Amino acid sequence: MARPSWFTPQLRRRAAWAVAASLGLPWLAGDFAKGFYTPGLAPAPEHSRMLIDFIVIGTMLFALTMVVTWLIGCWVMAVMKGPRIDGDAFPGAMGEPPK
């Protein structure tokens, strides 16, 4: 299967980094935030940890949706630009009216 011409290596790298950041950053932030909820210090720590998990999952899904939207926008731009087409040369010399 041929690789689409709009999905360049640079765009592929950026998309991979965006997906990794969309999954990794919320997970790291959630793991960091869950460290503050320990039994005995917070009322209902399991409830708080579960709430943080739901927020992290929602953030990941939202971020992945934004990455997909960005890639769809890249595809639309590539389709709208189309392949490069050189027009016909203008007959006659520069500054000379056509015959």
C-alpha atoms as a PDB file:
ATOM      1  CA  MET A   1       0.000   0.000   0.000  1.00  0.00           C
ATOM      2  CA  ALA A   2       1.442   3.340  -1.031  1.00  0.00           C
ATOM      3  CA  ARG A   3       2.063   5.955   1.591  1.00  0.00           C
ATOM      4  CA  PRO A   4       0.022   9.143   1.041  1.00  0.00           C
ATOM      5  CA  SER A   5       2.081  12.082  -0.192  1.00  0.00           C
ATOM      6  CA  TRP A   6       0.612  14.491   2.362  1.00  0.00           C
ATOM      7  CA  PHE A   7       1.835  12.375   5.301  1.00  0.00           C
ATOM      8  CA  THR A   8       5.459  13.502   5.092  1.00  0.00           C
ATOM      9  CA  PRO A   9       8.177  12.218   7.445  1.00  0.00           C
ATOM     10  CA  GLN A  10       8.183  15.545   9.296  1.00  0.00           C
ATOM     11  CA  LEU A  11       4.413  15.381   9.824  1.00  0.00           C
ATOM     12  CA  ARG A  12       4.708  11.737  10.870  1.00  0.00           C
ATOM     13  CA  ARG A  13       7.297  12.680  13.539  1.00  0.00           C
ATOM     14  CA  ARG A  14       5.175  15.563  14.790  1.00  0.00           C
ATOM     15  CA  ALA A  15       2.082  13.361  14.933  1.00  0.00           C
ATOM     16  CA  ALA A  16       3.979  10.697  16.877  1.00  0.00           C
ATOM     17  CA  TRP A  17       5.220  13.302  19.361  1.00  0.00           C
ATOM     18  CA  ALA A  18       1.719  14.757  19.685  1.00  0.00           C
ATOM     19  CA  VAL A  19       0.197  11.335  20.378  1.00  0.00           C
ATOM     20  CA  ALA A  20       2.930  10.532  22.895  1.00  0.00           C
ATOM     21  CA  ALA A  21       2.405  13.867  24.648  1.00  0.00           C
ATOM     22  CA  SER A  22      -1.378  13.403  24.584  1.00  0.00           C
ATOM     23  CA  LEU A  23      -1.044  10.090  26.380  1.00  0.00           C
ATOM     24  CA  GLY A  24       2.000  10.710  28.547  1.00  0.00           C
ATOM     25  CA  LEU A  25       1.533  14.174  30.004  1.00  0.00           C
ATOM     26  CA  PRO A  26      -1.962  13.660  31.473  1.00  0.00           C
ATOM     27  CA  TRP A  27      -0.899  10.283  32.848  1.00  0.00           C
ATOM     28  CA  LEU A  28       2.180  11.798  34.533  1.00  0.00           C
ATOM     29  CA  ALA A  29       0.163  14.712  35.924  1.00  0.00           C
ATOM     30  CA  GLY A  30      -2.498  12.331  37.246  1.00  0.00           C
ATOM     31  CA  ASP A  31       0.110  10.056  38.816  1.00  0.00           C
ATOM     32  CA  PHE A  32       1.708  13.086  40.462  1.00  0.00           C
ATOM     33  CA  ALA A  33      -1.645  14.350  41.753  1.00  0.00           C
ATOM     34  CA  LYS A  34      -2.615  10.913  43.107  1.00  0.00           C
ATOM     35  CA  GLY A  35       0.517  10.928  45.253  1.00  0.00           C
ATOM     36  CA  PHE A  36      -1.013  13.591  47.486  1.00  0.00           C
ATOM     37  CA  TYR A  37      -4.055  11.487  48.400  1.00  0.00           C
ATOM     38  CA  THR A  38      -2.927   8.989  51.028  1.00  0.00           C
ATOM     39  CA  PRO A  39      -5.097   7.092  53.504  1.00  0.00           C
ATOM     40  CA  GLY A  40      -5.453   8.962  56.775  1.00  0.00           C
ATOM     41  CA  LEU A  41      -4.625  12.390  55.359  1.00  0.00           C
ATOM     42  CA  ALA A  42      -7.530  12.859  52.962  1.00  0.00           C
ATOM     43  CA  PRO A  43     -11.165  11.920  53.487  1.00  0.00           C
ATOM     44  CA  ALA A  44     -12.127   9.154  51.006  1.00  0.00           C
ATOM     45  CA  PRO A  45      -8.755   8.862  49.215  1.00  0.00           C
ATOM     46  CA  GLU A  46     -10.017   6.109  46.896  1.00  0.00           C
ATOM     47  CA  HIS A  47     -12.828   8.354  45.688  1.00  0.00           C
ATOM     48  CA  SER A  48     -10.332  11.148  44.985  1.00  0.00           C
ATOM     49  CA  ARG A  49      -7.986   8.789  43.149  1.00  0.00           C
ATOM     50  CA  MET A  50     -10.844   7.469  41.024  1.00  0.00           C
ATOM     51  CA  LEU A  51     -11.920  11.022  40.202  1.00  0.00           C
ATOM     52  CA  ILE A  52      -8.358  11.834  39.127  1.00  0.00           C
ATOM     53  CA  ASP A  53      -8.342   8.701  36.942  1.00  0.00           C
ATOM     54  CA  PHE A  54     -11.557   9.807  35.230  1.00  0.00           C
ATOM     55  CA  ILE A  55     -10.163  13.299  34.660  1.00  0.00           C
ATOM     56  CA  VAL A  56      -6.947  11.840  33.209  1.00  0.00           C
ATOM     57  CA  ILE A  57      -8.855   9.523  30.860  1.00  0.00           C
ATOM     58  CA  GLY A  58     -11.054  12.404  29.704  1.00  0.00           C
ATOM     59  CA  THR A  59      -8.016  14.616  29.142  1.00  0.00           C
ATOM     60  CA  MET A  60      -6.291  11.899  27.120  1.00  0.00           C
ATOM     61  CA  LEU A  61      -9.348  11.353  24.929  1.00  0.00           C
ATOM     62  CA  PHE A  62      -9.754  15.098  24.385  1.00  0.00           C
ATOM     63  CA  ALA A  63      -6.073  15.492  23.485  1.00  0.00           C
ATOM     64  CA  LEU A  64      -6.188  12.556  21.064  1.00  0.00           C
ATOM     65  CA  THR A  65      -9.294  14.065  19.479  1.00  0.00           C
ATOM     66  CA  MET A  66      -7.403  17.315  18.983  1.00  0.00           C
ATOM     67  CA  VAL A  67      -4.498  15.446  17.345  1.00  0.00           C
ATOM     68  CA  VAL A  68      -6.916  13.692  14.976  1.00  0.00           C
ATOM     69  CA  THR A  69      -8.555  17.047  14.188  1.00  0.00           C
ATOM     70  CA  TRP A  70      -5.130  18.546  13.451  1.00  0.00           C
ATOM     71  CA  LEU A  71      -4.275  15.652  11.112  1.00  0.00           C
ATOM     72  CA  ILE A  72      -7.614  16.023   9.314  1.00  0.00           C
ATOM     73  CA  GLY A  73      -6.793  19.719   8.867  1.00  0.00           C
ATOM     74  CA  CYS A  74      -3.403  18.785   7.385  1.00  0.00           C
ATOM     75  CA  TRP A  75      -5.112  16.400   4.989  1.00  0.00           C
ATOM     76  CA  VAL A  76      -7.663  19.057   3.951  1.00  0.00           C
ATOM     77  CA  MET A  77      -4.866  21.564   3.284  1.00  0.00           C
ATOM     78  CA  ALA A  78      -3.017  19.010   1.140  1.00  0.00           C
ATOM     79  CA  VAL A  79      -6.172  18.219  -0.835  1.00  0.00           C
ATOM     80  CA  MET A  80      -7.017  21.894  -1.340  1.00  0.00           C
ATOM     81  CA  LYS A  81      -3.504  22.726  -2.552  1.00  0.00           C
ATOM     82  CA  GLY A  82      -3.390  19.779  -4.932  1.00  0.00           C
ATOM     83  CA  PRO A  83      -0.430  18.801  -7.062  1.00  0.00           C
ATOM     84  CA  ARG A  84       1.775  21.485  -8.528  1.00  0.00           C
ATOM     85  CA  ILE A  85       0.656  22.472 -12.012  1.00  0.00           C
ATOM     86  CA  ASP A  86       2.669  24.810 -14.208  1.00  0.00           C
ATOM     87  CA  GLY A  87       0.550  26.994 -16.423  1.00  0.00           C
ATOM     88  CA  ASP A  88       1.101  27.584 -20.133  1.00  0.00           C
ATOM     89  CA  ALA A  89       3.754  30.075 -21.070  1.00  0.00           C
ATOM     90  CA  PHE A  90       2.459  33.434 -22.254  1.00  0.00           C
ATOM     91  CA  PRO A  91       2.994  33.784 -26.014  1.00  0.00           C
ATOM     92  CA  GLY A  92       5.266  36.585 -27.093  1.00  0.00           C
ATOM     93  CA  ALA A  93       8.033  38.467 -25.388  1.00  0.00           C
ATOM     94  CA  MET A  94       7.623  40.401 -22.169  1.00  0.00           C
ATOM     95  CA  GLY A  95       5.940  43.746 -22.775  1.00  0.00           C
ATOM     96  CA  GLU A  96       4.864  42.799 -26.285  1.00  0.00           C
ATOM     97  CA  PRO A  97       1.104  42.529 -26.916  1.00  0.00           C
ATOM     98  CA  PRO A  98      -0.187  39.173 -28.155  1.00  0.00           C
ATOM     99  CA  LYS A  99      -0.832  38.828 -31.885  1.00  0.00           C
END
